[in-house]
Protein backbone atom coordinates (compact mmCIF):
# COMPACT_ATOMS: atom_id res chain seq x y z
CA MET A 1 -138.44 -51.05 112.68
CA PRO A 2 -135.59 -50.29 115.15
CA ARG A 3 -132.04 -50.27 113.81
CA THR A 4 -131.16 -53.38 115.82
CA ASN A 5 -133.93 -55.30 114.07
CA LEU A 6 -132.76 -54.03 110.69
CA ASP A 7 -129.20 -55.13 111.39
CA ALA A 8 -130.41 -58.58 112.44
CA GLY A 9 -132.59 -58.79 109.32
CA LEU A 10 -129.72 -57.79 107.03
CA LYS A 11 -127.42 -60.33 108.68
CA GLU A 12 -130.02 -63.05 108.15
CA LEU A 13 -130.52 -61.99 104.54
CA ARG A 14 -126.81 -62.11 103.76
CA ALA A 15 -126.54 -65.53 105.40
CA GLN A 16 -129.42 -66.81 103.26
CA MET A 17 -127.78 -65.49 100.10
CA MET A 18 -124.44 -67.08 100.95
CA HIS A 19 -126.19 -70.37 101.63
CA ALA A 20 -127.93 -70.23 98.24
CA GLY A 21 -124.65 -69.39 96.50
CA MET A 22 -122.82 -72.23 98.24
CA GLN A 23 -125.62 -74.66 97.37
CA VAL A 24 -125.46 -73.74 93.69
CA GLU A 25 -121.67 -74.06 93.68
CA HIS A 26 -122.03 -77.49 95.28
CA PHE A 27 -124.36 -78.59 92.49
CA LEU A 28 -121.94 -77.25 89.87
CA GLU A 29 -119.12 -79.21 91.52
CA LYS A 30 -121.20 -82.40 91.32
CA SER A 31 -121.96 -81.76 87.65
CA LEU A 32 -118.28 -81.31 86.85
CA LYS A 33 -117.43 -84.47 88.75
CA ALA A 34 -119.98 -86.33 86.63
CA ILE A 35 -118.32 -85.01 83.46
CA GLU A 36 -114.95 -86.14 84.76
CA THR A 37 -115.86 -89.62 86.01
CA GLY A 38 -118.85 -90.63 83.90
CA ASN A 39 -120.81 -91.41 87.08
CA HIS A 40 -124.13 -89.63 86.59
CA VAL A 41 -126.00 -90.85 89.66
CA SER A 42 -125.66 -87.52 91.46
CA LEU A 43 -127.15 -85.66 88.48
CA LEU A 44 -130.61 -86.98 89.31
CA LEU A 45 -130.33 -85.40 92.75
CA ILE A 46 -129.46 -82.07 91.13
CA VAL A 47 -132.53 -82.21 88.90
CA GLU A 48 -134.70 -83.07 91.89
CA ALA A 49 -133.18 -80.16 93.85
CA ASP A 50 -134.42 -77.59 91.32
CA GLU A 51 -137.40 -76.69 93.49
CA SER A 52 -135.22 -76.33 96.58
CA ILE A 53 -133.16 -73.68 94.80
CA ASP A 54 -136.38 -71.87 93.89
CA ALA A 55 -137.47 -72.02 97.52
CA LEU A 56 -134.17 -70.60 98.78
CA CYS A 57 -134.33 -67.68 96.37
CA ASP A 58 -138.00 -67.05 97.14
CA THR A 59 -137.08 -66.82 100.84
CA ILE A 60 -134.37 -64.28 100.02
CA GLU A 61 -136.79 -62.20 97.99
CA ARG A 62 -139.42 -62.18 100.72
CA GLN A 63 -136.85 -61.21 103.35
CA ALA A 64 -135.49 -58.37 101.22
CA LEU A 65 -138.97 -57.03 100.44
CA ARG A 66 -140.00 -57.31 104.09
CA LEU A 67 -137.04 -55.20 105.19
CA LEU A 68 -137.64 -52.68 102.41
CA ILE A 69 -141.28 -52.24 103.43
CA LEU A 70 -140.86 -52.18 107.21
CA GLN A 71 -137.71 -50.05 107.41
CA GLN A 72 -138.66 -46.60 106.12
CA PRO A 73 -137.03 -44.25 105.44
CA LEU A 74 -134.03 -46.20 104.23
CA GLY A 75 -130.97 -45.06 102.31
CA GLY A 76 -127.28 -45.51 101.68
CA GLN A 77 -125.66 -48.93 101.55
CA ASP A 78 -128.58 -50.59 103.35
CA LEU A 79 -130.98 -49.61 100.60
CA ARG A 80 -128.51 -50.62 97.89
CA LEU A 81 -127.98 -53.99 99.55
CA LEU A 82 -131.69 -54.75 99.75
CA THR A 83 -132.42 -53.76 96.16
CA ALA A 84 -129.34 -55.60 94.87
CA ALA A 85 -130.30 -58.70 96.86
CA LEU A 86 -133.41 -59.12 94.71
CA HIS A 87 -131.28 -59.21 91.56
CA ILE A 88 -128.47 -61.34 93.00
CA SER A 89 -130.90 -63.98 94.22
CA ALA A 90 -132.42 -64.06 90.72
CA ASP A 91 -128.93 -64.56 89.23
CA ILE A 92 -128.20 -67.37 91.68
CA ASN A 93 -131.49 -69.01 90.74
CA LEU A 94 -130.67 -68.72 87.02
CA ILE A 95 -127.26 -70.30 87.61
CA GLY A 96 -129.05 -73.13 89.38
CA LYS A 97 -131.45 -73.53 86.45
CA ALA A 98 -128.52 -73.72 84.03
CA ILE A 99 -126.85 -76.40 86.18
CA VAL A 100 -130.07 -78.40 86.17
CA GLU A 101 -130.10 -78.24 82.36
CA VAL A 102 -126.53 -79.58 82.30
CA ALA A 103 -127.58 -82.37 84.68
CA LYS A 104 -130.40 -83.32 82.31
CA MET A 105 -128.44 -83.23 79.05
CA LEU A 106 -125.24 -85.04 80.05
CA PRO A 107 -126.95 -88.41 80.75
CA GLN A 108 -128.83 -88.11 77.45
CA ALA A 109 -125.56 -87.72 75.57
CA ALA A 110 -124.10 -90.63 77.52
CA LEU A 111 -127.08 -92.84 76.65
CA LEU A 112 -126.70 -92.07 72.95
CA TYR A 113 -122.99 -92.89 73.22
CA TYR A 114 -123.81 -96.24 74.80
CA GLU A 115 -126.39 -97.02 72.11
CA SER A 116 -123.87 -96.21 69.38
CA ALA A 117 -120.56 -97.45 70.75
CA GLY A 118 -121.79 -100.06 73.20
CA GLN A 119 -119.53 -98.56 75.87
CA VAL A 120 -120.70 -97.45 79.29
CA GLY A 121 -117.84 -95.05 80.05
CA TYR A 122 -118.64 -91.48 78.99
CA SER A 123 -115.96 -89.40 80.62
CA VAL A 124 -112.70 -87.56 80.11
CA HIS A 125 -110.83 -90.84 80.57
CA VAL A 126 -111.85 -92.26 77.17
CA LYS A 127 -109.32 -91.65 74.39
CA PRO A 128 -109.70 -88.14 72.95
CA VAL A 129 -108.84 -89.34 69.41
CA ASP A 130 -110.37 -92.33 67.63
CA HIS A 131 -108.78 -94.84 65.24
CA LEU A 132 -109.43 -92.49 62.32
CA GLY A 133 -107.54 -89.67 64.02
CA LEU A 134 -110.74 -87.71 64.69
CA LEU A 135 -111.57 -86.02 67.97
CA THR A 136 -114.03 -87.85 70.20
CA ASP A 137 -116.65 -86.97 72.79
CA SER A 138 -113.97 -87.33 75.46
CA TYR A 139 -112.04 -84.43 73.95
CA VAL A 140 -115.12 -82.21 74.24
CA LEU A 141 -115.82 -83.41 77.78
CA ARG A 142 -112.30 -82.35 78.75
CA GLY A 143 -112.99 -78.91 77.34
CA LEU A 144 -116.28 -78.70 79.25
CA LEU A 145 -114.52 -79.73 82.45
CA VAL A 146 -111.96 -76.94 82.10
CA LEU A 147 -114.64 -74.40 81.20
CA GLY A 148 -116.78 -75.46 84.14
CA GLY A 149 -113.80 -75.23 86.48
CA GLU A 150 -113.27 -71.61 85.46
CA ILE A 151 -116.92 -70.82 86.12
CA ARG A 152 -116.91 -72.53 89.49
CA TYR A 153 -113.88 -70.45 90.46
CA ILE A 154 -115.41 -67.10 89.50
CA LEU A 155 -118.72 -68.05 91.15
CA ARG A 156 -116.92 -68.74 94.41
CA GLN A 157 -115.00 -65.47 94.10
CA ALA A 158 -118.20 -63.54 93.34
CA MET A 159 -119.89 -64.89 96.46
CA GLU A 160 -116.77 -64.03 98.48
CA ALA A 161 -116.97 -60.49 97.11
CA PHE A 162 -120.59 -60.32 98.29
CA ASP A 163 -119.80 -61.83 101.68
CA GLN A 164 -117.04 -59.29 102.31
CA LEU A 165 -118.73 -56.48 100.34
CA ASP A 166 -115.43 -56.10 98.51
CA ALA A 167 -115.71 -54.16 95.24
CA ALA A 168 -112.08 -54.91 94.34
CA ILE A 169 -112.75 -58.66 94.28
CA ALA A 170 -115.96 -58.11 92.34
CA LYS A 171 -114.20 -56.05 89.68
CA ARG A 172 -111.41 -58.60 89.37
CA VAL A 173 -113.90 -61.42 88.90
CA GLY A 174 -115.70 -59.37 86.28
CA SER A 175 -112.49 -59.08 84.27
CA GLU A 176 -111.67 -62.78 84.77
CA ARG A 177 -114.93 -63.64 83.05
CA ASP A 178 -113.05 -62.93 79.80
CA LEU A 179 -111.12 -66.16 80.44
CA VAL A 180 -114.39 -68.06 80.15
CA GLU A 181 -115.03 -66.57 76.72
CA LEU A 182 -111.49 -67.49 75.66
CA ARG A 183 -112.31 -71.13 76.40
CA TYR A 184 -115.95 -71.15 75.34
CA ALA A 185 -115.67 -69.76 71.79
CA PRO A 186 -112.86 -72.10 70.61
CA LEU A 187 -114.60 -75.11 72.18
CA CYS A 188 -117.82 -74.34 70.30
CA LYS A 189 -115.83 -73.93 67.08
CA GLU A 190 -114.14 -77.30 67.59
CA ILE A 191 -117.48 -79.02 68.21
CA MET A 192 -118.86 -77.57 64.98
CA GLU A 193 -115.74 -78.66 63.08
CA MET A 194 -116.07 -82.17 64.53
CA GLN A 195 -119.64 -82.33 63.25
CA ALA A 196 -118.53 -81.12 59.82
CA GLN A 197 -115.74 -83.73 59.65
CA HIS A 198 -118.17 -86.47 60.60
CA THR A 199 -120.53 -85.62 57.75
CA LEU A 200 -117.65 -86.17 55.29
CA LEU A 201 -117.04 -89.75 56.44
CA PRO A 202 -118.17 -92.65 54.22
CA ALA A 203 -121.60 -93.98 55.10
CA HIS A 204 -120.25 -97.18 56.68
CA GLN A 205 -118.16 -95.11 59.11
CA HIS A 206 -120.96 -92.83 60.23
CA ASP A 207 -121.89 -92.78 63.92
CA ALA A 208 -125.68 -92.58 63.93
CA THR A 209 -125.87 -90.55 67.15
CA PHE A 210 -122.74 -88.42 66.79
CA ALA A 211 -124.46 -85.23 65.61
CA GLN A 212 -127.08 -85.43 68.34
CA ARG A 213 -124.43 -86.00 71.02
CA MET A 214 -122.45 -83.01 69.80
CA THR A 215 -125.61 -80.92 69.92
CA TYR A 216 -126.09 -81.86 73.58
CA LEU A 217 -122.46 -81.07 74.38
CA LEU A 218 -122.65 -77.77 72.51
CA TRP A 219 -125.73 -76.84 74.56
CA ILE A 220 -123.93 -77.79 77.77
CA ALA A 221 -121.07 -75.47 76.79
CA HIS A 222 -123.61 -72.71 76.15
CA LYS A 223 -125.21 -73.25 79.56
CA LEU A 224 -121.83 -73.07 81.28
CA ALA A 225 -121.01 -69.80 79.51
CA GLU A 226 -124.47 -68.51 80.44
CA MET A 227 -123.60 -69.07 84.09
CA ALA A 228 -120.59 -66.79 83.66
CA SER A 229 -122.91 -63.98 82.54
CA TYR A 230 -124.95 -64.32 85.71
CA VAL A 231 -121.77 -64.34 87.82
CA ALA A 232 -120.72 -61.11 86.10
CA ASP A 233 -124.11 -59.60 86.99
CA ILE A 234 -123.58 -60.56 90.64
CA CYS A 235 -120.22 -58.80 90.62
CA GLN A 236 -121.76 -55.68 89.13
CA ARG A 237 -124.38 -55.65 91.90
CA VAL A 238 -121.71 -56.04 94.59
CA THR A 239 -119.86 -53.05 93.16
CA PHE A 240 -123.13 -51.12 93.24
CA ILE A 241 -123.71 -51.99 96.91
CA VAL A 242 -120.25 -50.80 97.89
CA GLU A 243 -119.73 -47.82 95.61
CA GLY A 244 -123.25 -46.76 94.66
CA GLN A 245 -122.49 -46.94 90.96
CA MET A 246 -122.93 -49.66 88.38
CA ASN A 247 -122.84 -50.27 84.68
CA ILE A 248 -124.88 -53.42 84.29
CA GLN A 249 -125.42 -55.22 81.01
CA ILE A 250 -127.73 -58.06 81.91
CA GLY A 251 -126.80 -61.34 80.24
CA SER A 252 -123.78 -59.83 78.52
């Protein structure tokens, strides 16, 4: 394969990867908007788009493998880019899968809330404290919204690092992932404490679906934090492309 064809192929590959990253970020934005507003209509579209994310990442993989096979011998940054592309596309796909899980679980929690409280609104705009002085679902939703905002930010920065092949941005995003953990761990602890407090209430004050709703919200928090791990992996791969060195701990 002539060098001109390789350059064109690499340009196309990078464009495909940026498109996939932007698509996933768009879905994350819609999920966060649903948490904020309580309008879950767009979540169905996210679930239905699961296969389209798979298709995008499959296209990236085929393009990378095609270039690896046809352009021999190959070395330096070109080789690192093609091998890293296979892993980055997998990370993007996993982020998409996690977003789909969020899109599935949030309406289920909202439905349980409606069955229990008889209220349609399931968003950050409901009072965060109830008449007993206990934290409500809305308090947790606010925490999820902040956590998700952090993840959306580092995802965008990670894709910018890839687009510019900028190791400095990638390393900075990798360190900023610690901010996600600083929000995730306390939020999980608060959800568990809310469940414990609820079990101590007298029987006539028990909310029949509270524990199940908290389980859904706890799982959503876990999925958001999981996305941050995949973003960190992307940043490690970008550093590898640029510098030829990496210290990757998958899923850390």
